[in-house]
Protein backbone atom coordinates (compact mmCIF):
# COMPACT_ATOMS: atom_id res chain seq x y z
CA UNK A 1 0.25 -0.13 0.20
CA UNK A 2 3.04 2.49 0.83
CA UNK A 3 4.52 1.62 -2.53
CA UNK A 4 1.22 2.79 -4.66
CA UNK A 5 0.77 5.51 -2.54
CA UNK A 6 4.32 6.82 -3.25
CA UNK A 7 3.60 5.93 -6.62
CA UNK A 8 0.51 8.15 -7.34
CA UNK A 9 2.34 11.23 -5.03
CA UNK A 10 5.00 11.01 -8.05
CA UNK A 11 2.57 11.11 -10.18
CA UNK A 12 0.48 14.01 -9.28
CA UNK A 13 3.86 15.59 -8.76
CA UNK A 14 5.36 15.37 -12.34
CA UNK A 15 1.48 15.67 -13.89
CA UNK A 16 2.09 19.88 -14.29
CA UNK A 17 5.16 19.30 -15.96
CA UNK A 18 4.21 17.15 -18.43
CA UNK A 19 0.88 19.53 -19.29
CA UNK A 20 3.43 22.55 -19.48
CA UNK A 21 5.03 20.69 -21.88
CA UNK A 22 2.12 19.48 -23.45
CA UNK A 23 1.29 23.27 -23.48
CA UNK A 24 4.39 24.28 -25.18
CA UNK A 25 3.84 22.24 -27.66
CA UNK A 26 0.11 23.34 -28.45
CA UNK A 27 1.07 27.28 -28.28
CA UNK A 28 4.27 26.45 -30.57
CA UNK A 29 2.97 24.03 -33.29
CA UNK A 30 -0.89 25.32 -32.88
CA UNK A 31 -2.08 21.86 -32.45
CA UNK A 32 -4.89 20.29 -29.96
CA UNK A 33 -3.88 18.65 -26.56
CA UNK A 34 -4.69 14.98 -27.64
CA UNK A 35 -2.03 15.78 -30.69
CA UNK A 36 0.20 17.52 -28.08
CA UNK A 37 -0.14 14.60 -26.03
CA UNK A 38 1.73 11.90 -28.91
CA UNK A 39 4.22 14.09 -29.89
CA UNK A 40 5.30 13.46 -26.08
CA UNK A 41 4.45 9.81 -26.24
CA UNK A 42 6.09 9.05 -29.09
CA UNK A 43 9.44 10.90 -28.72
CA UNK A 44 9.50 9.02 -25.08
CA UNK A 45 8.75 5.60 -26.85
CA UNK A 46 11.56 5.88 -29.38
CA UNK A 47 14.42 8.12 -27.42
CA UNK A 48 13.46 5.48 -24.40
CA UNK A 49 13.55 7.90 -22.16
CA UNK A 50 10.48 8.47 -19.74
CA UNK A 51 8.01 10.84 -20.43
CA UNK A 52 8.35 13.26 -17.42
CA UNK A 53 11.64 13.39 -18.97
CA UNK A 54 10.85 14.27 -22.07
CA UNK A 55 8.50 16.85 -21.03
CA UNK A 56 11.12 17.98 -18.64
CA UNK A 57 13.30 19.11 -21.66
CA UNK A 58 10.54 20.77 -23.48
CA UNK A 59 9.70 23.09 -20.86
CA UNK A 60 12.89 23.76 -20.54
CA UNK A 61 13.54 25.08 -23.57
CA UNK A 62 11.42 27.30 -22.90
CA UNK A 63 13.75 29.06 -20.68
CA UNK A 64 16.61 28.59 -23.39
CA UNK A 65 18.49 25.70 -21.84
CA UNK A 66 19.41 23.07 -24.19
CA UNK A 67 17.40 20.22 -24.82
CA UNK A 68 19.55 17.17 -24.69
CA UNK A 69 21.00 15.66 -27.50
CA UNK A 70 19.77 11.99 -27.46
CA UNK A 71 15.79 13.99 -27.92
CA UNK A 72 16.33 16.66 -30.58
CA UNK A 73 16.28 14.12 -33.52
CA UNK A 74 12.97 12.31 -31.73
CA UNK A 75 11.53 16.06 -31.61
CA UNK A 76 12.34 16.92 -34.97
CA UNK A 77 11.14 13.79 -36.31
CA UNK A 78 8.06 13.68 -34.13
CA UNK A 79 7.45 17.34 -35.49
CA UNK A 80 7.97 16.26 -38.61
CA UNK A 81 5.45 13.25 -38.34
CA UNK A 82 2.96 15.69 -37.19
CA UNK A 83 3.27 18.20 -39.76
CA UNK A 84 2.60 15.94 -42.21
CA UNK A 85 -0.80 14.19 -40.30
CA UNK A 86 -1.32 17.84 -40.18
CA UNK A 87 -0.64 18.60 -44.26
CA UNK A 88 -3.07 15.20 -45.09
CA UNK A 89 -5.83 16.49 -43.00
CA UNK A 90 -5.54 13.44 -40.83
């Protein structure tokens, strides 16, 4: 029970950062919340990096901090894929 409570606490602490990162993507790319979420998940999966760490990097970039090298290509690929889907009307 204690472990479950700790996991819930950790999730509640990390959720605002993930939400902020989604907001950054929504504002930057003019995309919907679900699309921003999908981008974060895609980058997390392909970069083999926790979603929270991807979100922190996106938020940190708004403060002119460099995006970690291992995430740069994955974010660029996600942006390209998102733009292609948008151009196709999907």
